[in-house]
Amino acid sequence: MSGGVDFGGLGVAIGHASDEAGGTGLTVVRGLDGPRRGAAHVIGRASGTRELHVLDPEHLVDRVDAILLTGGSAYGLDAAAGVMKWMEEDGRGFPAGPGVVPIVPAAVIYDLTPCGRFDSRPTAEMAYTACRDATVTNIGEGSIGAGTGATVGKGGGIERAMKGGVGCAVERAGGLVAGAVTVVNAFGDVRDGAGQIIAGARAEGGFADTIRWLTLPGGPRRFSDAQGRNTTISVVMVNVAMDKVALTQVARAASAAYYQRITPVGTAFDGDVIFALCPLTGPTGTPLGVEALASRALASAIERAVRSAKGRDGIPGLAD
């Protein structure tokens, strides 16, 4: 679906590519007219990433050209070659002698089952197209791009899970703008701003409440089904210039949205990662205000991701 979210003023463009038959896809967040400063915060213990080290405050490289969010588990990381190809053709990247080396950090979700085929993985060609066609407005949400095969509520077993997806949101306060793009593929349940479960492990007549289920006498039924298959990966963006240390704190502070909207989150079975982007130069903002607005945008994006998902009442082929 088209979310109608306008990322104008944030200096980024967003593109999707989907393989609906294969149940996978990818999403590219790139600088609109040039590079951005980047940072990241890793929450889960089961993350799959590429070029994450370039976002460390002590690393030589002080900018990124794009962020890739992709399905396909570790196989999906190969799709970054398509983003690099488009960037090189456009002359974008870290200067390196006679040419450029595009800087494209990436993170993956596990979507190889149950919504698609295990042998379906996002390709470099898909990433090239998503990068080329990236736009600022009317970004698709739900079961599209990297959210095509996403699921939530796997704590009750995959047969009780629901569809996850991609969500987008932008928050504005005076001249400050913060935006978020997230791919919700969580072990836990997703809650709205009032704390009510809106997507997650299903039970007769409603939701099982994963937290309650995990703490019942006798413990969970089977954790093996959930291992390595859960990740929420996100990009938050702000319109003020920050150094890498401050921007890393924005990514870390935005993780509050995960804890507010996904329960449980950051488990041993999650590979949660949050990227952050900002301009290289320009006006600055109050760090605490930037962090608060980025967290609010991400919380809204998480909710929009599951509200927009196709077949959100269940996964086709599994128990209703």
C-alpha atoms as a PDB file:
ATOM      1  CA  MET A   1       0.000   0.000   0.000  1.00  0.00           C
ATOM      2  CA  SER A   2       1.050   3.624  -0.400  1.00  0.00           C
ATOM      3  CA  GLY A   3       1.654   5.165   2.984  1.00  0.00           C
ATOM      4  CA  GLY A   4       1.526   8.778   1.849  1.00  0.00           C
ATOM      5  CA  VAL A   5       4.492   9.646   4.093  1.00  0.00           C
ATOM      6  CA  ASP A   6       6.526  12.649   2.938  1.00  0.00           C
ATOM      7  CA  PHE A   7      10.258  12.497   3.682  1.00  0.00           C
ATOM      8  CA  GLY A   8      10.850  15.970   2.262  1.00  0.00           C
ATOM      9  CA  GLY A   9      13.405  17.986   4.199  1.00  0.00           C
ATOM     10  CA  LEU A  10      15.352  14.911   5.317  1.00  0.00           C
ATOM     11  CA  GLY A  11      17.552  14.632   2.256  1.00  0.00           C
ATOM     12  CA  VAL A  12      16.794  10.957   1.623  1.00  0.00           C
ATOM     13  CA  ALA A  13      14.977   8.884  -0.969  1.00  0.00           C
ATOM     14  CA  ILE A  14      13.509   5.435  -0.350  1.00  0.00           C
ATOM     15  CA  GLY A  15      12.943   2.602  -2.801  1.00  0.00           C
ATOM     16  CA  HIS A  16      11.489  -0.899  -2.609  1.00  0.00           C
ATOM     17  CA  ALA A  17      11.821  -4.047  -4.700  1.00  0.00           C
ATOM     18  CA  SER A  18       9.624  -7.069  -3.994  1.00  0.00           C
ATOM     19  CA  ASP A  19       9.483 -10.718  -5.004  1.00  0.00           C
ATOM     20  CA  GLU A  20       5.933 -11.519  -3.946  1.00  0.00           C
ATOM     21  CA  ALA A  21       5.997 -15.075  -5.296  1.00  0.00           C
ATOM     22  CA  GLY A  22       9.224 -15.779  -3.435  1.00  0.00           C
ATOM     23  CA  GLY A  23       8.099 -13.956  -0.295  1.00  0.00           C
ATOM     24  CA  THR A  24      11.082 -11.624  -0.011  1.00  0.00           C
ATOM     25  CA  GLY A  25      12.364  -8.198  -0.996  1.00  0.00           C
ATOM     26  CA  LEU A  26      14.526  -5.253  -0.076  1.00  0.00           C
ATOM     27  CA  THR A  27      14.384  -1.561   0.761  1.00  0.00           C
ATOM     28  CA  VAL A  28      17.036   1.067  -0.009  1.00  0.00           C
ATOM     29  CA  VAL A  29      17.415   4.345   1.885  1.00  0.00           C
ATOM     30  CA  ARG A  30      19.865   6.608   0.045  1.00  0.00           C
ATOM     31  CA  GLY A  31      20.992  10.186   0.114  1.00  0.00           C
ATOM     32  CA  LEU A  32      18.832  12.236  -2.194  1.00  0.00           C
ATOM     33  CA  ASP A  33      21.632  14.327  -3.697  1.00  0.00           C
ATOM     34  CA  GLY A  34      24.718  13.022  -1.935  1.00  0.00           C
ATOM     35  CA  PRO A  35      26.090  11.181   1.083  1.00  0.00           C
ATOM     36  CA  ARG A  36      24.866  11.365   4.659  1.00  0.00           C
ATOM     37  CA  ARG A  37      26.599  10.820   7.959  1.00  0.00           C
ATOM     38  CA  GLY A  38      25.732   7.401   9.385  1.00  0.00           C
ATOM     39  CA  ALA A  39      25.682   5.560  12.701  1.00  0.00           C
ATOM     40  CA  ALA A  40      24.151   2.389  14.106  1.00  0.00           C
ATOM     41  CA  HIS A  41      23.038   0.672  17.289  1.00  0.00           C
ATOM     42  CA  VAL A  42      22.733  -3.131  17.545  1.00  0.00           C
ATOM     43  CA  ILE A  43      20.208  -4.480  20.050  1.00  0.00           C
ATOM     44  CA  GLY A  44      19.649  -8.143  19.254  1.00  0.00           C
ATOM     45  CA  ARG A  45      22.158 -10.986  19.523  1.00  0.00           C
ATOM     46  CA  ALA A  46      21.362 -12.588  16.153  1.00  0.00           C
ATOM     47  CA  SER A  47      22.041  -9.760  13.687  1.00  0.00           C
ATOM     48  CA  GLY A  48      23.183 -10.166  10.091  1.00  0.00           C
ATOM     49  CA  THR A  49      24.997  -7.095   8.770  1.00  0.00           C
ATOM     50  CA  ARG A  50      27.437  -5.720   6.204  1.00  0.00           C
ATOM     51  CA  GLU A  51      29.863  -2.778   6.513  1.00  0.00           C
ATOM     52  CA  LEU A  52      28.636  -2.057  10.012  1.00  0.00           C
ATOM     53  CA  HIS A  53      32.165  -1.183  11.121  1.00  0.00           C
ATOM     54  CA  VAL A  54      32.266   1.940   8.911  1.00  0.00           C
ATOM     55  CA  LEU A  55      29.631   3.468  11.184  1.00  0.00           C
ATOM     56  CA  ASP A  56      31.881   3.307  14.237  1.00  0.00           C
ATOM     57  CA  PRO A  57      32.831   6.834  15.408  1.00  0.00           C
ATOM     58  CA  GLU A  58      36.530   5.908  15.183  1.00  0.00           C
ATOM     59  CA  HIS A  59      36.383   4.689  11.583  1.00  0.00           C
ATOM     60  CA  LEU A  60      38.083   6.725   8.836  1.00  0.00           C
ATOM     61  CA  VAL A  61      34.998   6.862   6.622  1.00  0.00           C
ATOM     62  CA  ASP A  62      32.756   9.703   7.778  1.00  0.00           C
ATOM     63  CA  ARG A  63      29.794   9.250   5.414  1.00  0.00           C
ATOM     64  CA  VAL A  64      27.523   6.646   3.827  1.00  0.00           C
ATOM     65  CA  ASP A  65      25.838   6.659   0.455  1.00  0.00           C
ATOM     66  CA  ALA A  66      22.927   4.324   1.224  1.00  0.00           C
ATOM     67  CA  ILE A  67      21.539   1.844   3.729  1.00  0.00           C
ATOM     68  CA  LEU A  68      20.173  -1.496   2.542  1.00  0.00           C
ATOM     69  CA  LEU A  69      17.448  -3.287   4.508  1.00  0.00           C
ATOM     70  CA  THR A  70      16.896  -6.711   2.996  1.00  0.00           C
ATOM     71  CA  GLY A  71      15.289 -10.089   3.318  1.00  0.00           C
ATOM     72  CA  GLY A  72      17.008 -13.330   2.449  1.00  0.00           C
ATOM     73  CA  SER A  73      18.943 -13.694   5.700  1.00  0.00           C
ATOM     74  CA  ALA A  74      22.723 -13.611   5.110  1.00  0.00           C
ATOM     75  CA  TYR A  75      22.152 -14.405   1.426  1.00  0.00           C
ATOM     76  CA  GLY A  76      20.429 -11.033   1.057  1.00  0.00           C
ATOM     77  CA  LEU A  77      23.624  -9.129   1.859  1.00  0.00           C
ATOM     78  CA  ASP A  78      24.877  -9.881  -1.670  1.00  0.00           C
ATOM     79  CA  ALA A  79      22.168  -7.546  -3.015  1.00  0.00           C
ATOM     80  CA  ALA A  80      24.213  -4.557  -1.823  1.00  0.00           C
ATOM     81  CA  ALA A  81      26.265  -4.975  -5.016  1.00  0.00           C
ATOM     82  CA  GLY A  82      23.304  -3.570  -6.946  1.00  0.00           C
ATOM     83  CA  VAL A  83      23.215  -0.429  -4.818  1.00  0.00           C
ATOM     84  CA  MET A  84      26.961  -0.013  -5.295  1.00  0.00           C
ATOM     85  CA  LYS A  85      26.606  -0.411  -9.068  1.00  0.00           C
ATOM     86  CA  TRP A  86      23.995   2.349  -9.311  1.00  0.00           C
ATOM     87  CA  MET A  87      26.036   4.601  -7.036  1.00  0.00           C
ATOM     88  CA  GLU A  88      29.233   4.074  -9.023  1.00  0.00           C
ATOM     89  CA  GLU A  89      27.454   4.832 -12.295  1.00  0.00           C
ATOM     90  CA  ASP A  90      26.187   8.057 -10.715  1.00  0.00           C
ATOM     91  CA  GLY A  91      29.665   8.972  -9.466  1.00  0.00           C
ATOM     92  CA  ARG A  92      28.741   8.615  -5.804  1.00  0.00           C
ATOM     93  CA  GLY A  93      31.032   7.112  -3.217  1.00  0.00           C
ATOM     94  CA  PHE A  94      34.157   7.507  -1.146  1.00  0.00           C
ATOM     95  CA  PRO A  95      36.893   9.015  -3.373  1.00  0.00           C
ATOM     96  CA  ALA A  96      39.456   6.331  -4.250  1.00  0.00           C
ATOM     97  CA  GLY A  97      42.048   7.323  -6.869  1.00  0.00           C
ATOM     98  CA  PRO A  98      40.488   7.205 -10.331  1.00  0.00           C
ATOM     99  CA  GLY A  99      37.036   6.293  -9.059  1.00  0.00           C
ATOM    100  CA  VAL A 100      34.746   5.977  -6.064  1.00  0.00           C
ATOM    101  CA  VAL A 101      33.822   3.244  -3.598  1.00  0.00           C
ATOM    102  CA  PRO A 102      30.160   3.532  -2.541  1.00  0.00           C
ATOM    103  CA  ILE A 103      29.609   2.952   1.176  1.00  0.00           C
ATOM    104  CA  VAL A 104      26.493   0.819   1.690  1.00  0.00           C
ATOM    105  CA  PRO A 105      25.944  -0.688   5.169  1.00  0.00           C
ATOM    106  CA  ALA A 106      23.190  -3.310   5.288  1.00  0.00           C
ATOM    107  CA  ALA A 107      21.151  -5.437   7.666  1.00  0.00           C
ATOM    108  CA  VAL A 108      18.957  -8.473   7.020  1.00  0.00           C
ATOM    109  CA  ILE A 109      15.836 -10.172   8.272  1.00  0.00           C
ATOM    110  CA  TYR A 110      15.154 -13.902   8.137  1.00  0.00           C
ATOM    111  CA  ASP A 111      12.236 -14.462   5.745  1.00  0.00           C
ATOM    112  CA  LEU A 112      13.313 -17.679   4.029  1.00  0.00           C
ATOM    113  CA  THR A 113      10.226 -19.345   5.538  1.00  0.00           C
ATOM    114  CA  PRO A 114       7.248 -19.518   6.011  1.00  0.00           C
ATOM    115  CA  CYS A 115       5.874 -16.875   3.631  1.00  0.00           C
ATOM    116  CA  GLY A 116       7.949 -17.805   0.602  1.00  0.00           C
ATOM    117  CA  ARG A 117      10.499 -20.189  -0.830  1.00  0.00           C
ATOM    118  CA  PHE A 118      13.804 -20.899   0.909  1.00  0.00           C
ATOM    119  CA  ASP A 119      15.663 -20.455  -2.388  1.00  0.00           C
ATOM    120  CA  SER A 120      14.191 -16.973  -3.050  1.00  0.00           C
ATOM    121  CA  ARG A 121      16.624 -14.210  -2.141  1.00  0.00           C
ATOM    122  CA  PRO A 122      16.798 -10.511  -3.033  1.00  0.00           C
ATOM    123  CA  THR A 123      19.173  -9.900  -5.918  1.00  0.00           C
ATOM    124  CA  ALA A 124      21.600  -7.181  -6.952  1.00  0.00           C
ATOM    125  CA  GLU A 125      19.290  -6.376  -9.866  1.00  0.00           C
ATOM    126  CA  MET A 126      16.419  -5.758  -7.448  1.00  0.00           C
ATOM    127  CA  ALA A 127      18.630  -3.483  -5.362  1.00  0.00           C
ATOM    128  CA  TYR A 128      19.767  -1.534  -8.425  1.00  0.00           C
ATOM    129  CA  THR A 129      16.137  -0.921  -9.397  1.00  0.00           C
ATOM    130  CA  ALA A 130      15.110   0.089  -5.873  1.00  0.00           C
ATOM    131  CA  CYS A 131      18.027   2.520  -5.656  1.00  0.00           C
ATOM    132  CA  ARG A 132      17.367   4.015  -9.073  1.00  0.00           C
ATOM    133  CA  ASP A 133      13.625   4.448  -8.484  1.00  0.00           C
ATOM    134  CA  ALA A 134      13.828   5.696  -4.887  1.00  0.00           C
ATOM    135  CA  THR A 135      11.484   8.592  -4.103  1.00  0.00           C
ATOM    136  CA  VAL A 136      10.792  11.079  -1.326  1.00  0.00           C
ATOM    137  CA  THR A 137       7.001  10.790  -1.095  1.00  0.00           C
ATOM    138  CA  ASN A 138       4.273   8.125  -1.078  1.00  0.00           C
ATOM    139  CA  ILE A 139       6.574   5.365   0.090  1.00  0.00           C
ATOM    140  CA  GLY A 140       4.925   1.944   0.083  1.00  0.00           C
ATOM    141  CA  GLU A 141       4.199   0.302   3.427  1.00  0.00           C
ATOM    142  CA  GLY A 142       3.156  -3.119   4.631  1.00  0.00           C
ATOM    143  CA  SER A 143       3.987  -6.267   2.675  1.00  0.00           C
ATOM    144  CA  ILE A 144       6.441  -4.652   0.292  1.00  0.00           C
ATOM    145  CA  GLY A 145      10.189  -4.355  -0.085  1.00  0.00           C
ATOM    146  CA  ALA A 146      12.121  -5.841   2.805  1.00  0.00           C
ATOM    147  CA  GLY A 147       8.810  -6.415   4.588  1.00  0.00           C
ATOM    148  CA  THR A 148       7.348  -8.711   1.913  1.00  0.00           C
ATOM    149  CA  GLY A 149       7.965 -11.898   3.911  1.00  0.00           C
ATOM    150  CA  ALA A 150       8.104 -10.400   7.408  1.00  0.00           C
ATOM    151  CA  THR A 151       6.169 -11.972  10.278  1.00  0.00           C
ATOM    152  CA  VAL A 152       5.476 -11.083  13.929  1.00  0.00           C
ATOM    153  CA  GLY A 153       4.341 -12.960  17.016  1.00  0.00           C
ATOM    154  CA  LYS A 154       6.498 -16.023  16.464  1.00  0.00           C
ATOM    155  CA  GLY A 155       6.840 -16.545  20.201  1.00  0.00           C
ATOM    156  CA  GLY A 156       3.717 -18.706  20.075  1.00  0.00           C
ATOM    157  CA  GLY A 157       5.052 -20.820  17.219  1.00  0.00           C
ATOM    158  CA  ILE A 158       5.046 -19.854  13.563  1.00  0.00           C
ATOM    159  CA  GLU A 159       1.575 -21.340  13.078  1.00  0.00           C
ATOM    160  CA  ARG A 160       0.166 -18.549  15.292  1.00  0.00           C
ATOM    161  CA  ALA A 161       2.197 -15.714  13.794  1.00  0.00           C
ATOM    162  CA  MET A 162       0.893 -12.788  11.733  1.00  0.00           C
ATOM    163  CA  LYS A 163       2.301 -10.778   8.865  1.00  0.00           C
ATOM    164  CA  GLY A 164       4.770  -8.004   9.629  1.00  0.00           C
ATOM    165  CA  GLY A 165       5.997  -5.469   7.099  1.00  0.00           C
ATOM    166  CA  VAL A 166       7.517  -2.075   6.342  1.00  0.00           C
ATOM    167  CA  GLY A 167       6.370   1.066   8.118  1.00  0.00           C
ATOM    168  CA  CYS A 168       7.263   4.732   7.586  1.00  0.00           C
ATOM    169  CA  ALA A 169       6.680   7.854   9.656  1.00  0.00           C
ATOM    170  CA  VAL A 170       7.842  11.460   9.900  1.00  0.00           C
ATOM    171  CA  GLU A 171       7.578  13.745  12.932  1.00  0.00           C
ATOM    172  CA  ARG A 172       8.062  17.524  12.874  1.00  0.00           C
ATOM    173  CA  ALA A 173       8.566  19.975  15.733  1.00  0.00           C
ATOM    174  CA  GLY A 174       9.326  23.538  14.719  1.00  0.00           C
ATOM    175  CA  GLY A 175      12.218  23.345  12.287  1.00  0.00           C
ATOM    176  CA  LEU A 176      13.267  19.859  13.445  1.00  0.00           C
ATOM    177  CA  VAL A 177      12.306  16.880  11.293  1.00  0.00           C
ATOM    178  CA  ALA A 178      12.818  13.193  12.096  1.00  0.00           C
ATOM    179  CA  GLY A 179      11.778  10.230   9.997  1.00  0.00           C
ATOM    180  CA  ALA A 180      11.875   6.465  10.254  1.00  0.00           C
ATOM    181  CA  VAL A 181      11.650   3.421   8.013  1.00  0.00           C
ATOM    182  CA  THR A 182      11.349   0.060   9.745  1.00  0.00           C
ATOM    183  CA  VAL A 183      11.001  -3.596   8.802  1.00  0.00           C
ATOM    184  CA  VAL A 184       9.138  -5.428  11.561  1.00  0.00           C
ATOM    185  CA  ASN A 185       9.877  -9.168  11.675  1.00  0.00           C
ATOM    186  CA  ALA A 186       9.607  -9.699  15.412  1.00  0.00           C
ATOM    187  CA  PHE A 187       9.583 -12.649  17.793  1.00  0.00           C
ATOM    188  CA  GLY A 188       7.270 -10.642  20.029  1.00  0.00           C
ATOM    189  CA  ASP A 189       3.944  -8.837  19.759  1.00  0.00           C
ATOM    190  CA  VAL A 190       3.446  -5.297  18.440  1.00  0.00           C
ATOM    191  CA  ARG A 191       1.537  -2.805  20.573  1.00  0.00           C
ATOM    192  CA  ASP A 192      -0.064   0.560  19.903  1.00  0.00           C
ATOM    193  CA  GLY A 193       0.602   3.742  21.833  1.00  0.00           C
ATOM    194  CA  ALA A 194      -1.873   2.703  24.533  1.00  0.00           C
ATOM    195  CA  GLY A 195      -0.060  -0.587  25.094  1.00  0.00           C
ATOM    196  CA  GLN A 196      -2.695  -2.778  23.404  1.00  0.00           C
ATOM    197  CA  ILE A 197      -1.527  -5.660  21.214  1.00  0.00           C
ATOM    198  CA  ILE A 198      -2.404  -5.001  17.568  1.00  0.00           C
ATOM    199  CA  ALA A 199      -0.413  -7.845  15.972  1.00  0.00           C
ATOM    200  CA  GLY A 200       1.304 -10.888  17.402  1.00  0.00           C
ATOM    201  CA  ALA A 201       0.867 -14.476  18.493  1.00  0.00           C
ATOM    202  CA  ARG A 202      -2.771 -15.393  17.988  1.00  0.00           C
ATOM    203  CA  ALA A 203      -4.978 -17.343  20.363  1.00  0.00           C
ATOM    204  CA  GLU A 204      -8.635 -18.267  20.292  1.00  0.00           C
ATOM    205  CA  GLY A 205     -10.610 -15.051  20.415  1.00  0.00           C
ATOM    206  CA  GLY A 206      -7.637 -12.697  20.295  1.00  0.00           C
ATOM    207  CA  PHE A 207      -3.951 -12.619  21.155  1.00  0.00           C
ATOM    208  CA  ALA A 208      -1.917 -15.000  23.291  1.00  0.00           C
ATOM    209  CA  ASP A 209       0.249 -12.179  24.756  1.00  0.00           C
ATOM    210  CA  THR A 210       3.774 -13.503  24.278  1.00  0.00           C
ATOM    211  CA  ILE A 211       5.083 -12.044  27.528  1.00  0.00           C
ATOM    212  CA  ARG A 212       2.323 -13.789  29.501  1.00  0.00           C
ATOM    213  CA  TRP A 213       2.857 -17.027  27.590  1.00  0.00           C
ATOM    214  CA  LEU A 214       6.606 -17.007  28.185  1.00  0.00           C
ATOM    215  CA  THR A 215       6.116 -16.646  31.935  1.00  0.00           C
ATOM    216  CA  LEU A 216       3.477 -19.352  32.421  1.00  0.00           C
ATOM    217  CA  PRO A 217       4.393 -22.288  34.696  1.00  0.00           C
ATOM    218  CA  GLY A 218       6.281 -24.844  32.662  1.00  0.00           C
ATOM    219  CA  GLY A 219       7.751 -22.219  30.357  1.00  0.00           C
ATOM    220  CA  PRO A 220       7.567 -21.932  26.566  1.00  0.00           C
ATOM    221  CA  ARG A 221       6.693 -24.823  24.339  1.00  0.00           C
ATOM    222  CA  ARG A 222       9.476 -24.654  21.752  1.00  0.00           C
ATOM    223  CA  PHE A 223      12.138 -21.990  21.296  1.00  0.00           C
ATOM    224  CA  SER A 224      13.868 -23.886  18.495  1.00  0.00           C
ATOM    225  CA  ASP A 225      11.259 -22.726  15.981  1.00  0.00           C
ATOM    226  CA  ALA A 226      12.109 -19.082  16.659  1.00  0.00           C
ATOM    227  CA  GLN A 227      15.891 -19.169  16.708  1.00  0.00           C
ATOM    228  CA  GLY A 228      17.519 -16.831  14.198  1.00  0.00           C
ATOM    229  CA  ARG A 229      14.242 -15.887  12.527  1.00  0.00           C
ATOM    230  CA  ASN A 230      13.413 -12.593  14.210  1.00  0.00           C
ATOM    231  CA  THR A 231      14.653  -9.122  13.448  1.00  0.00           C
ATOM    232  CA  THR A 232      13.375  -5.556  13.365  1.00  0.00           C
ATOM    233  CA  ILE A 233      15.706  -3.380  11.323  1.00  0.00           C
ATOM    234  CA  SER A 234      15.227   0.359  10.979  1.00  0.00           C
ATOM    235  CA  VAL A 235      16.661   3.622   9.704  1.00  0.00           C
ATOM    236  CA  VAL A 236      15.981   6.889  11.537  1.00  0.00           C
ATOM    237  CA  MET A 237      16.816  10.198   9.862  1.00  0.00           C
ATOM    238  CA  VAL A 238      17.096  13.759  11.144  1.00  0.00           C
ATOM    239  CA  ASN A 239      17.529  17.052   9.326  1.00  0.00           C
ATOM    240  CA  VAL A 240      20.262  18.492  11.570  1.00  0.00           C
ATOM    241  CA  ALA A 241      24.004  17.893  11.329  1.00  0.00           C
ATOM    242  CA  MET A 242      25.624  15.797  14.062  1.00  0.00           C
ATOM    243  CA  ASP A 243      28.968  14.117  14.548  1.00  0.00           C
ATOM    244  CA  LYS A 244      29.189  10.322  14.645  1.00  0.00           C
ATOM    245  CA  VAL A 245      29.165  10.128  18.434  1.00  0.00           C
ATOM    246  CA  ALA A 246      25.998  12.198  18.769  1.00  0.00           C
ATOM    247  CA  LEU A 247      24.350  10.378  15.858  1.00  0.00           C
ATOM    248  CA  THR A 248      25.145   7.011  17.425  1.00  0.00           C
ATOM    249  CA  GLN A 249      23.331   8.221  20.523  1.00  0.00           C
ATOM    250  CA  VAL A 250      20.303   9.080  18.357  1.00  0.00           C
ATOM    251  CA  ALA A 251      20.243   5.479  17.092  1.00  0.00           C
ATOM    252  CA  ARG A 252      20.588   4.200  20.657  1.00  0.00           C
ATOM    253  CA  ALA A 253      17.896   6.525  22.016  1.00  0.00           C
ATOM    254  CA  ALA A 254      15.518   5.536  19.214  1.00  0.00           C
ATOM    255  CA  SER A 255      15.645   1.961  20.507  1.00  0.00           C
ATOM    256  CA  ALA A 256      13.157   3.136  23.149  1.00  0.00           C
ATOM    257  CA  ALA A 257      10.544   2.758  20.411  1.00  0.00           C
ATOM    258  CA  TYR A 258      11.355  -0.948  20.127  1.00  0.00           C
ATOM    259  CA  TYR A 259      10.820  -1.492  23.837  1.00  0.00           C
ATOM    260  CA  GLN A 260       7.597   0.527  23.799  1.00  0.00           C
ATOM    261  CA  ARG A 261       6.014  -1.178  20.788  1.00  0.00           C
ATOM    262  CA  ILE A 262       7.466  -4.729  20.615  1.00  0.00           C
ATOM    263  CA  THR A 263       7.210  -7.178  23.524  1.00  0.00           C
ATOM    264  CA  PRO A 264       9.523  -8.904  24.102  1.00  0.00           C
ATOM    265  CA  VAL A 265      12.347  -7.395  22.040  1.00  0.00           C
ATOM    266  CA  GLY A 266      16.128  -7.639  21.912  1.00  0.00           C
ATOM    267  CA  THR A 267      16.061 -11.329  22.852  1.00  0.00           C
ATOM    268  CA  ALA A 268      18.741 -13.911  22.110  1.00  0.00           C
ATOM    269  CA  PHE A 269      16.674 -14.784  19.036  1.00  0.00           C
ATOM    270  CA  ASP A 270      16.427 -11.222  17.640  1.00  0.00           C
ATOM    271  CA  GLY A 271      18.859  -9.466  15.311  1.00  0.00           C
ATOM    272  CA  ASP A 272      17.569  -5.938  15.850  1.00  0.00           C
ATOM    273  CA  VAL A 273      19.577  -3.054  14.365  1.00  0.00           C
ATOM    274  CA  ILE A 274      18.871   0.688  14.124  1.00  0.00           C
ATOM    275  CA  PHE A 275      20.750   2.882  11.641  1.00  0.00           C
ATOM    276  CA  ALA A 276      20.765   6.677  11.880  1.00  0.00           C
ATOM    277  CA  LEU A 277      21.408   9.242   9.135  1.00  0.00           C
ATOM    278  CA  CYS A 278      21.923  13.022   9.155  1.00  0.00           C
ATOM    279  CA  PRO A 279      23.420  15.736   6.915  1.00  0.00           C
ATOM    280  CA  LEU A 280      27.193  16.122   6.822  1.00  0.00           C
ATOM    281  CA  THR A 281      26.899  19.873   7.387  1.00  0.00           C
ATOM    282  CA  GLY A 282      24.228  22.417   8.218  1.00  0.00           C
ATOM    283  CA  PRO A 283      22.170  23.603  11.172  1.00  0.00           C
ATOM    284  CA  THR A 284      22.426  21.719  14.444  1.00  0.00           C
ATOM    285  CA  GLY A 285      19.784  20.825  17.009  1.00  0.00           C
ATOM    286  CA  THR A 286      19.454  20.076  20.699  1.00  0.00           C
ATOM    287  CA  PRO A 287      20.560  16.435  21.058  1.00  0.00           C
ATOM    288  CA  LEU A 288      17.818  15.443  23.505  1.00  0.00           C
ATOM    289  CA  GLY A 289      15.157  16.935  21.264  1.00  0.00           C
ATOM    290  CA  VAL A 290      16.538  15.140  18.213  1.00  0.00           C
ATOM    291  CA  GLU A 291      16.617  11.836  20.082  1.00  0.00           C
ATOM    292  CA  ALA A 292      13.055  12.212  21.369  1.00  0.00           C
ATOM    293  CA  LEU A 293      11.643  13.060  17.951  1.00  0.00           C
ATOM    294  CA  ALA A 294      13.498  10.189  16.250  1.00  0.00           C
ATOM    295  CA  SER A 295      12.141   7.748  18.834  1.00  0.00           C
ATOM    296  CA  ARG A 296       8.613   9.034  18.322  1.00  0.00           C
ATOM    297  CA  ALA A 297       8.893   8.627  14.543  1.00  0.00           C
ATOM    298  CA  LEU A 298      10.177   5.071  14.902  1.00  0.00           C
ATOM    299  CA  ALA A 299       7.390   4.096  17.302  1.00  0.00           C
ATOM    300  CA  SER A 300       4.808   5.318  14.810  1.00  0.00           C
ATOM    301  CA  ALA A 301       6.546   3.497  11.933  1.00  0.00           C
ATOM    302  CA  ILE A 302       6.497   0.198  13.839  1.00  0.00           C
ATOM    303  CA  GLU A 303       2.745   0.448  14.338  1.00  0.00           C
ATOM    304  CA  ARG A 304       2.153   1.427  10.706  1.00  0.00           C
ATOM    305  CA  ALA A 305       4.179  -1.580   9.531  1.00  0.00           C
ATOM    306  CA  VAL A 306       1.778  -4.144  10.961  1.00  0.00           C
ATOM    307  CA  ARG A 307      -1.390  -2.157  10.344  1.00  0.00           C
ATOM    308  CA  SER A 308      -0.471  -2.017   6.651  1.00  0.00           C
ATOM    309  CA  ALA A 309       0.468  -5.697   6.217  1.00  0.00           C
ATOM    310  CA  LYS A 310      -1.431  -7.898   3.770  1.00  0.00           C
ATOM    311  CA  GLY A 311      -3.446 -10.688   5.351  1.00  0.00           C
ATOM    312  CA  ARG A 312      -2.619  -9.347   8.784  1.00  0.00           C
ATOM    313  CA  ASP A 313      -5.213 -11.724  10.298  1.00  0.00           C
ATOM    314  CA  GLY A 314      -2.834 -14.602   9.633  1.00  0.00           C
ATOM    315  CA  ILE A 315      -0.285 -16.116   7.290  1.00  0.00           C
ATOM    316  CA  PRO A 316      -1.730 -17.794   4.167  1.00  0.00           C
ATOM    317  CA  GLY A 317      -1.442 -21.551   4.481  1.00  0.00           C
ATOM    318  CA  LEU A 318      -1.154 -21.508   8.277  1.00  0.00           C
ATOM    319  CA  ALA A 319      -3.793 -21.754  10.982  1.00  0.00           C
ATOM    320  CA  ASP A 320      -6.333 -18.903  11.046  1.00  0.00           C
END
